[in-house]
Amino acid sequence: MKLARRICEARDGASAVEFAIIAPIFIMTLVTFVAFGIYLATANAVQQIASDAARTAIAGLDAAERTKLANNFIAASTLDYFMLEPSKLAVTVSDDPKNVDQFTVYIDYDATNLPIWSLYSFAMPTNHIKRFATIRIGGI
């Protein structure tokens, strides 16, 4: 009887058991935060490139010339963004059919080479990052 009471009252190792239960969930949460941080940084970089390409493309007279200017900007610029490959950027420039005074630059980035897809995490976003920037022609 004394042995059973001593076993029930023992608290040695309780912290180790609690840590063993909580640690995997905590580590998966941290990995998910890191993965989403990398994804959001890449998405922000794609948005910045779309904005810069749209500002460059304003000099074009039609959609074909604007597309050429936007692609030339991406090819000529250094694009010093972390984990971003310029070859995986797909640029489309189109006039807005509802408003002839503006055009939009669309960028689709294939993010399948980001290291976050090999991490196990709770939920991951899509592996294609799509962003756009709209520019008015001729001011206000």
N, C-alpha and C. Protein backbone atom coordinates (compact mmCIF):
# COMPACT_ATOMS: atom_id res chain seq x y z
N MET A 1 0.81 -1.18 0.00
CA MET A 1 0.00 0.00 0.00
C MET A 1 0.86 1.26 0.00
N LYS A 2 1.96 1.24 0.74
CA LYS A 2 2.85 2.39 0.77
C LYS A 2 3.45 2.64 -0.61
N LEU A 3 3.75 1.61 -1.35
CA LEU A 3 4.33 1.75 -2.69
C LEU A 3 3.34 2.42 -3.64
N ALA A 4 2.08 2.01 -3.59
CA ALA A 4 1.06 2.61 -4.46
C ALA A 4 0.87 4.09 -4.12
N ARG A 5 0.85 4.43 -2.83
CA ARG A 5 0.68 5.82 -2.41
C ARG A 5 1.88 6.65 -2.85
N ARG A 6 3.06 6.11 -2.73
CA ARG A 6 4.26 6.82 -3.13
C ARG A 6 4.29 7.07 -4.64
N ILE A 7 3.82 6.11 -5.42
CA ILE A 7 3.78 6.28 -6.88
C ILE A 7 2.76 7.35 -7.26
N CYS A 8 1.60 7.35 -6.63
CA CYS A 8 0.56 8.33 -6.96
C CYS A 8 0.95 9.75 -6.56
N GLU A 9 1.72 9.89 -5.51
CA GLU A 9 2.11 11.22 -5.04
C GLU A 9 3.38 11.75 -5.71
N ALA A 10 4.06 10.93 -6.46
CA ALA A 10 5.32 11.34 -7.08
C ALA A 10 5.04 12.36 -8.19
N ARG A 11 5.82 13.43 -8.22
CA ARG A 11 5.71 14.47 -9.23
C ARG A 11 6.98 14.60 -10.07
N ASP A 12 7.92 13.72 -9.87
CA ASP A 12 9.15 13.75 -10.63
C ASP A 12 8.85 13.42 -12.09
N GLY A 13 9.33 14.25 -13.00
CA GLY A 13 9.15 14.01 -14.42
C GLY A 13 7.87 14.57 -15.00
N ALA A 14 7.05 15.24 -14.21
CA ALA A 14 5.79 15.80 -14.72
C ALA A 14 6.07 16.86 -15.79
N SER A 15 7.11 17.65 -15.56
CA SER A 15 7.45 18.68 -16.54
C SER A 15 7.90 18.06 -17.86
N ALA A 16 8.63 16.98 -17.79
CA ALA A 16 9.08 16.31 -19.01
C ALA A 16 7.90 15.75 -19.80
N VAL A 17 6.92 15.20 -19.11
CA VAL A 17 5.74 14.68 -19.79
C VAL A 17 4.94 15.82 -20.42
N GLU A 18 4.76 16.91 -19.68
CA GLU A 18 4.04 18.07 -20.22
C GLU A 18 4.76 18.64 -21.45
N PHE A 19 6.08 18.72 -21.38
CA PHE A 19 6.86 19.22 -22.51
C PHE A 19 6.71 18.29 -23.71
N ALA A 20 6.72 16.99 -23.47
CA ALA A 20 6.59 16.02 -24.57
C ALA A 20 5.22 16.14 -25.25
N ILE A 21 4.21 16.55 -24.51
CA ILE A 21 2.88 16.71 -25.09
C ILE A 21 2.78 18.02 -25.87
N ILE A 22 3.32 19.10 -25.33
CA ILE A 22 3.16 20.44 -25.91
C ILE A 22 4.19 20.76 -26.99
N ALA A 23 5.39 20.23 -26.89
CA ALA A 23 6.48 20.61 -27.80
C ALA A 23 6.16 20.39 -29.28
N PRO A 24 5.60 19.26 -29.70
CA PRO A 24 5.32 19.11 -31.15
C PRO A 24 4.36 20.17 -31.69
N ILE A 25 3.34 20.49 -30.93
CA ILE A 25 2.39 21.52 -31.37
C ILE A 25 3.07 22.88 -31.43
N PHE A 26 3.88 23.19 -30.44
CA PHE A 26 4.60 24.46 -30.42
C PHE A 26 5.57 24.57 -31.58
N ILE A 27 6.31 23.51 -31.87
CA ILE A 27 7.28 23.53 -32.96
C ILE A 27 6.57 23.65 -34.31
N MET A 28 5.45 22.94 -34.50
CA MET A 28 4.69 23.06 -35.75
C MET A 28 4.15 24.48 -35.92
N THR A 29 3.74 25.11 -34.83
CA THR A 29 3.25 26.49 -34.91
C THR A 29 4.39 27.43 -35.30
N LEU A 30 5.55 27.25 -34.74
CA LEU A 30 6.70 28.09 -35.10
C LEU A 30 7.10 27.90 -36.57
N VAL A 31 7.10 26.66 -37.03
CA VAL A 31 7.45 26.39 -38.43
C VAL A 31 6.42 27.04 -39.36
N THR A 32 5.15 27.00 -38.98
CA THR A 32 4.11 27.64 -39.78
C THR A 32 4.30 29.14 -39.83
N PHE A 33 4.66 29.76 -38.71
CA PHE A 33 4.93 31.20 -38.70
C PHE A 33 6.09 31.55 -39.63
N VAL A 34 7.14 30.76 -39.60
CA VAL A 34 8.29 31.01 -40.47
C VAL A 34 7.89 30.84 -41.93
N ALA A 35 7.13 29.79 -42.23
CA ALA A 35 6.70 29.54 -43.61
C ALA A 35 5.83 30.67 -44.13
N PHE A 36 4.88 31.12 -43.34
CA PHE A 36 4.03 32.22 -43.78
C PHE A 36 4.80 33.52 -43.87
N GLY A 37 5.80 33.70 -43.03
CA GLY A 37 6.65 34.89 -43.14
C GLY A 37 7.40 34.93 -44.46
N ILE A 38 7.95 33.79 -44.87
CA ILE A 38 8.64 33.71 -46.16
C ILE A 38 7.66 33.95 -47.30
N TYR A 39 6.48 33.35 -47.21
CA TYR A 39 5.47 33.51 -48.26
C TYR A 39 5.03 34.97 -48.36
N LEU A 40 4.75 35.61 -47.24
CA LEU A 40 4.29 37.00 -47.27
C LEU A 40 5.39 37.94 -47.74
N ALA A 41 6.63 37.66 -47.41
CA ALA A 41 7.73 38.48 -47.92
C ALA A 41 7.84 38.36 -49.44
N THR A 42 7.67 37.16 -49.95
CA THR A 42 7.70 36.95 -51.40
C THR A 42 6.51 37.63 -52.07
N ALA A 43 5.32 37.51 -51.48
CA ALA A 43 4.13 38.16 -52.04
C ALA A 43 4.29 39.67 -52.05
N ASN A 44 4.89 40.22 -51.00
CA ASN A 44 5.14 41.67 -50.96
C ASN A 44 6.13 42.07 -52.05
N ALA A 45 7.14 41.26 -52.28
CA ALA A 45 8.12 41.55 -53.34
C ALA A 45 7.45 41.51 -54.72
N VAL A 46 6.57 40.55 -54.94
CA VAL A 46 5.86 40.47 -56.23
C VAL A 46 4.97 41.70 -56.42
N GLN A 47 4.31 42.14 -55.36
CA GLN A 47 3.49 43.35 -55.46
C GLN A 47 4.34 44.58 -55.78
N GLN A 48 5.50 44.67 -55.16
CA GLN A 48 6.39 45.81 -55.43
C GLN A 48 6.88 45.78 -56.88
N ILE A 49 7.19 44.61 -57.39
CA ILE A 49 7.62 44.49 -58.78
C ILE A 49 6.48 44.87 -59.72
N ALA A 50 5.26 44.46 -59.40
CA ALA A 50 4.10 44.83 -60.23
C ALA A 50 3.92 46.35 -60.25
N SER A 51 4.07 46.97 -59.11
CA SER A 51 3.93 48.44 -59.04
C SER A 51 5.03 49.14 -59.84
N ASP A 52 6.27 48.68 -59.68
CA ASP A 52 7.38 49.29 -60.42
C ASP A 52 7.24 49.06 -61.92
N ALA A 53 6.81 47.87 -62.32
CA ALA A 53 6.62 47.59 -63.74
C ALA A 53 5.49 48.43 -64.32
N ALA A 54 4.45 48.66 -63.54
CA ALA A 54 3.35 49.50 -64.01
C ALA A 54 3.80 50.95 -64.18
N ARG A 55 4.60 51.43 -63.24
CA ARG A 55 5.12 52.81 -63.38
C ARG A 55 6.04 52.93 -64.59
N THR A 56 6.77 51.89 -64.89
CA THR A 56 7.63 51.91 -66.07
C THR A 56 6.81 51.83 -67.35
N ALA A 57 5.75 51.03 -67.33
CA ALA A 57 4.94 50.80 -68.53
C ALA A 57 4.07 51.99 -68.91
N ILE A 58 3.97 52.99 -68.07
CA ILE A 58 3.12 54.14 -68.39
C ILE A 58 3.59 54.87 -69.64
N ALA A 59 4.86 54.69 -70.00
CA ALA A 59 5.39 55.37 -71.19
C ALA A 59 4.91 54.75 -72.49
N GLY A 60 4.33 53.56 -72.42
CA GLY A 60 3.86 52.88 -73.63
C GLY A 60 2.57 53.48 -74.16
N LEU A 61 2.37 53.38 -75.47
CA LEU A 61 1.18 53.95 -76.10
C LEU A 61 0.03 52.95 -76.20
N ASP A 62 0.32 51.66 -76.23
CA ASP A 62 -0.72 50.65 -76.30
C ASP A 62 -0.32 49.47 -75.42
N ALA A 63 -1.20 48.46 -75.34
CA ALA A 63 -0.96 47.32 -74.45
C ALA A 63 0.29 46.54 -74.84
N ALA A 64 0.56 46.40 -76.15
CA ALA A 64 1.74 45.65 -76.59
C ALA A 64 3.03 46.36 -76.18
N GLU A 65 3.06 47.67 -76.35
CA GLU A 65 4.26 48.42 -75.96
C GLU A 65 4.42 48.45 -74.45
N ARG A 66 3.31 48.53 -73.73
CA ARG A 66 3.40 48.51 -72.26
C ARG A 66 3.90 47.15 -71.76
N THR A 67 3.45 46.08 -72.40
CA THR A 67 3.93 44.75 -72.03
C THR A 67 5.43 44.63 -72.28
N LYS A 68 5.88 45.15 -73.40
CA LYS A 68 7.31 45.12 -73.70
C LYS A 68 8.10 45.92 -72.69
N LEU A 69 7.62 47.11 -72.32
CA LEU A 69 8.32 47.94 -71.33
C LEU A 69 8.35 47.26 -69.96
N ALA A 70 7.24 46.65 -69.55
CA ALA A 70 7.20 45.97 -68.26
C ALA A 70 8.16 44.78 -68.24
N ASN A 71 8.17 44.00 -69.31
CA ASN A 71 9.11 42.86 -69.38
C ASN A 71 10.55 43.32 -69.43
N ASN A 72 10.83 44.41 -70.14
CA ASN A 72 12.19 44.95 -70.18
C ASN A 72 12.62 45.45 -68.80
N PHE A 73 11.71 46.05 -68.07
CA PHE A 73 12.03 46.50 -66.71
C PHE A 73 12.43 45.32 -65.84
N ILE A 74 11.65 44.25 -65.91
CA ILE A 74 11.94 43.08 -65.07
C ILE A 74 13.25 42.43 -65.49
N ALA A 75 13.51 42.38 -66.79
CA ALA A 75 14.76 41.78 -67.27
C ALA A 75 15.97 42.64 -66.94
N ALA A 76 15.82 43.96 -66.98
CA ALA A 76 16.96 44.85 -66.78
C ALA A 76 17.23 45.17 -65.31
N SER A 77 16.23 45.10 -64.47
CA SER A 77 16.43 45.46 -63.07
C SER A 77 17.11 44.32 -62.32
N THR A 78 17.69 44.66 -61.22
CA THR A 78 18.45 43.66 -60.46
C THR A 78 17.54 42.77 -59.64
N LEU A 79 16.40 43.27 -59.21
CA LEU A 79 15.45 42.50 -58.40
C LEU A 79 16.15 41.75 -57.27
N ASP A 80 16.70 42.50 -56.36
CA ASP A 80 17.41 41.90 -55.23
C ASP A 80 16.43 41.53 -54.12
N TYR A 81 15.49 40.66 -54.43
CA TYR A 81 14.53 40.21 -53.45
C TYR A 81 14.91 38.81 -53.00
N PHE A 82 14.73 38.57 -51.72
CA PHE A 82 15.08 37.31 -51.10
C PHE A 82 14.22 36.18 -51.67
N MET A 83 14.86 35.14 -52.18
CA MET A 83 14.21 33.93 -52.68
C MET A 83 13.25 34.19 -53.84
N LEU A 84 13.53 35.16 -54.67
CA LEU A 84 12.66 35.45 -55.81
C LEU A 84 13.45 35.24 -57.08
N GLU A 85 12.93 34.41 -57.97
CA GLU A 85 13.58 34.13 -59.23
C GLU A 85 12.86 34.90 -60.35
N PRO A 86 13.52 35.86 -60.98
CA PRO A 86 12.87 36.64 -62.04
C PRO A 86 12.37 35.80 -63.20
N SER A 87 12.98 34.66 -63.45
CA SER A 87 12.54 33.83 -64.58
C SER A 87 11.16 33.21 -64.35
N LYS A 88 10.68 33.20 -63.13
CA LYS A 88 9.38 32.60 -62.82
C LYS A 88 8.25 33.64 -62.77
N LEU A 89 8.56 34.87 -63.18
CA LEU A 89 7.54 35.92 -63.22
C LEU A 89 6.87 35.93 -64.59
N ALA A 90 5.56 35.90 -64.62
CA ALA A 90 4.79 36.02 -65.86
C ALA A 90 4.05 37.35 -65.82
N VAL A 91 4.33 38.22 -66.79
CA VAL A 91 3.78 39.57 -66.81
C VAL A 91 2.74 39.70 -67.90
N THR A 92 1.60 40.30 -67.55
CA THR A 92 0.55 40.59 -68.51
C THR A 92 0.10 42.03 -68.29
N VAL A 93 0.02 42.78 -69.37
CA VAL A 93 -0.47 44.16 -69.30
C VAL A 93 -1.72 44.25 -70.15
N SER A 94 -2.78 44.79 -69.56
CA SER A 94 -4.02 44.91 -70.33
C SER A 94 -4.71 46.22 -70.00
N ASP A 95 -5.38 46.77 -71.01
CA ASP A 95 -6.19 47.97 -70.80
C ASP A 95 -7.46 47.56 -70.07
N ASP A 96 -7.96 48.49 -69.28
CA ASP A 96 -9.19 48.25 -68.54
C ASP A 96 -10.38 48.49 -69.46
N PRO A 97 -11.22 47.48 -69.72
CA PRO A 97 -12.33 47.68 -70.65
C PRO A 97 -13.40 48.63 -70.12
N LYS A 98 -13.49 48.78 -68.81
CA LYS A 98 -14.49 49.67 -68.22
C LYS A 98 -14.02 51.11 -68.13
N ASN A 99 -12.71 51.30 -68.18
CA ASN A 99 -12.16 52.65 -68.06
C ASN A 99 -10.98 52.77 -69.02
N VAL A 100 -11.13 53.55 -70.06
CA VAL A 100 -10.07 53.67 -71.06
C VAL A 100 -8.90 54.50 -70.56
N ASP A 101 -9.05 55.13 -69.41
CA ASP A 101 -7.99 55.97 -68.86
C ASP A 101 -7.07 55.23 -67.90
N GLN A 102 -7.11 53.91 -67.89
CA GLN A 102 -6.21 53.17 -67.02
C GLN A 102 -5.88 51.81 -67.61
N PHE A 103 -4.76 51.26 -67.15
CA PHE A 103 -4.34 49.91 -67.54
C PHE A 103 -3.82 49.20 -66.31
N THR A 104 -3.74 47.89 -66.41
CA THR A 104 -3.34 47.07 -65.26
C THR A 104 -2.21 46.14 -65.66
N VAL A 105 -1.22 46.04 -64.78
CA VAL A 105 -0.11 45.10 -64.93
C VAL A 105 -0.37 43.95 -63.96
N TYR A 106 -0.49 42.74 -64.50
CA TYR A 106 -0.69 41.53 -63.71
C TYR A 106 0.61 40.74 -63.68
N ILE A 107 0.96 40.24 -62.51
CA ILE A 107 2.14 39.38 -62.38
C ILE A 107 1.73 38.11 -61.67
N ASP A 108 2.10 37.00 -62.28
CA ASP A 108 1.87 35.68 -61.71
C ASP A 108 3.24 35.06 -61.44
N TYR A 109 3.52 34.77 -60.17
CA TYR A 109 4.82 34.21 -59.79
C TYR A 109 4.64 32.76 -59.38
N ASP A 110 5.39 31.88 -60.01
CA ASP A 110 5.37 30.46 -59.67
C ASP A 110 6.29 30.24 -58.47
N ALA A 111 5.71 30.07 -57.30
CA ALA A 111 6.47 29.99 -56.05
C ALA A 111 6.72 28.55 -55.61
N THR A 112 6.73 27.62 -56.54
CA THR A 112 6.92 26.21 -56.16
C THR A 112 8.33 25.91 -55.66
N ASN A 113 9.30 26.78 -55.95
CA ASN A 113 10.67 26.54 -55.48
C ASN A 113 10.96 27.14 -54.11
N LEU A 114 9.99 27.79 -53.51
CA LEU A 114 10.22 28.31 -52.16
C LEU A 114 10.41 27.13 -51.20
N PRO A 115 11.27 27.29 -50.21
CA PRO A 115 11.52 26.17 -49.29
C PRO A 115 10.36 25.85 -48.36
N ILE A 116 9.32 26.66 -48.36
CA ILE A 116 8.23 26.44 -47.42
C ILE A 116 7.37 25.23 -47.77
N TRP A 117 7.39 24.79 -49.02
CA TRP A 117 6.55 23.66 -49.41
C TRP A 117 7.09 22.35 -48.86
N SER A 118 8.35 22.30 -48.49
CA SER A 118 8.90 21.07 -47.92
C SER A 118 8.73 21.02 -46.40
N LEU A 119 8.27 22.11 -45.82
CA LEU A 119 8.03 22.14 -44.38
C LEU A 119 6.64 21.60 -44.09
N TYR A 120 6.52 20.87 -43.03
CA TYR A 120 5.19 20.43 -42.63
C TYR A 120 4.58 21.52 -41.75
N SER A 121 3.45 22.01 -42.15
CA SER A 121 2.77 23.02 -41.35
C SER A 121 1.27 22.79 -41.46
N PHE A 122 0.52 23.58 -40.71
CA PHE A 122 -0.92 23.37 -40.63
C PHE A 122 -1.62 23.58 -41.97
N ALA A 123 -1.47 24.75 -42.53
CA ALA A 123 -2.14 25.07 -43.79
C ALA A 123 -1.21 25.96 -44.61
N MET A 124 -1.18 25.72 -45.89
CA MET A 124 -0.31 26.51 -46.75
C MET A 124 -1.15 27.19 -47.83
N PRO A 125 -0.73 28.38 -48.25
CA PRO A 125 -1.43 29.07 -49.33
C PRO A 125 -1.09 28.44 -50.68
N THR A 126 -1.66 28.99 -51.72
CA THR A 126 -1.42 28.47 -53.06
C THR A 126 0.03 28.73 -53.49
N ASN A 127 0.54 27.91 -54.39
CA ASN A 127 1.94 28.06 -54.80
C ASN A 127 2.11 29.03 -55.97
N HIS A 128 1.06 29.72 -56.38
CA HIS A 128 1.15 30.79 -57.38
C HIS A 128 0.73 32.10 -56.71
N ILE A 129 1.62 33.06 -56.74
CA ILE A 129 1.34 34.37 -56.16
C ILE A 129 0.93 35.29 -57.29
N LYS A 130 -0.28 35.83 -57.22
CA LYS A 130 -0.80 36.71 -58.26
C LYS A 130 -1.05 38.09 -57.67
N ARG A 131 -0.44 39.09 -58.29
CA ARG A 131 -0.61 40.47 -57.84
C ARG A 131 -0.81 41.36 -59.06
N PHE A 132 -1.34 42.56 -58.84
CA PHE A 132 -1.54 43.49 -59.94
C PHE A 132 -1.39 44.92 -59.45
N ALA A 133 -1.16 45.81 -60.40
CA ALA A 133 -1.08 47.24 -60.14
C ALA A 133 -1.79 47.97 -61.28
N THR A 134 -2.66 48.90 -60.93
CA THR A 134 -3.41 49.65 -61.92
C THR A 134 -2.91 51.08 -61.96
N ILE A 135 -2.71 51.61 -63.17
CA ILE A 135 -2.19 52.96 -63.38
C ILE A 135 -3.19 53.75 -64.23
N ARG A 136 -3.46 54.96 -63.77
CA ARG A 136 -4.30 55.86 -64.58
C ARG A 136 -3.42 56.56 -65.58
N ILE A 137 -3.94 56.73 -66.78
CA ILE A 137 -3.22 57.42 -67.86
C ILE A 137 -3.67 58.87 -67.88
N GLY A 138 -2.71 59.77 -67.88
CA GLY A 138 -3.04 61.19 -67.99
C GLY A 138 -3.41 61.87 -66.69
N GLY A 139 -3.05 61.31 -65.58
CA GLY A 139 -3.31 61.98 -64.30
C GLY A 139 -4.70 61.72 -63.78
N ILE A 140 -5.22 62.69 -63.06
CA ILE A 140 -6.51 62.51 -62.36
C ILE A 140 -7.66 62.56 -63.30
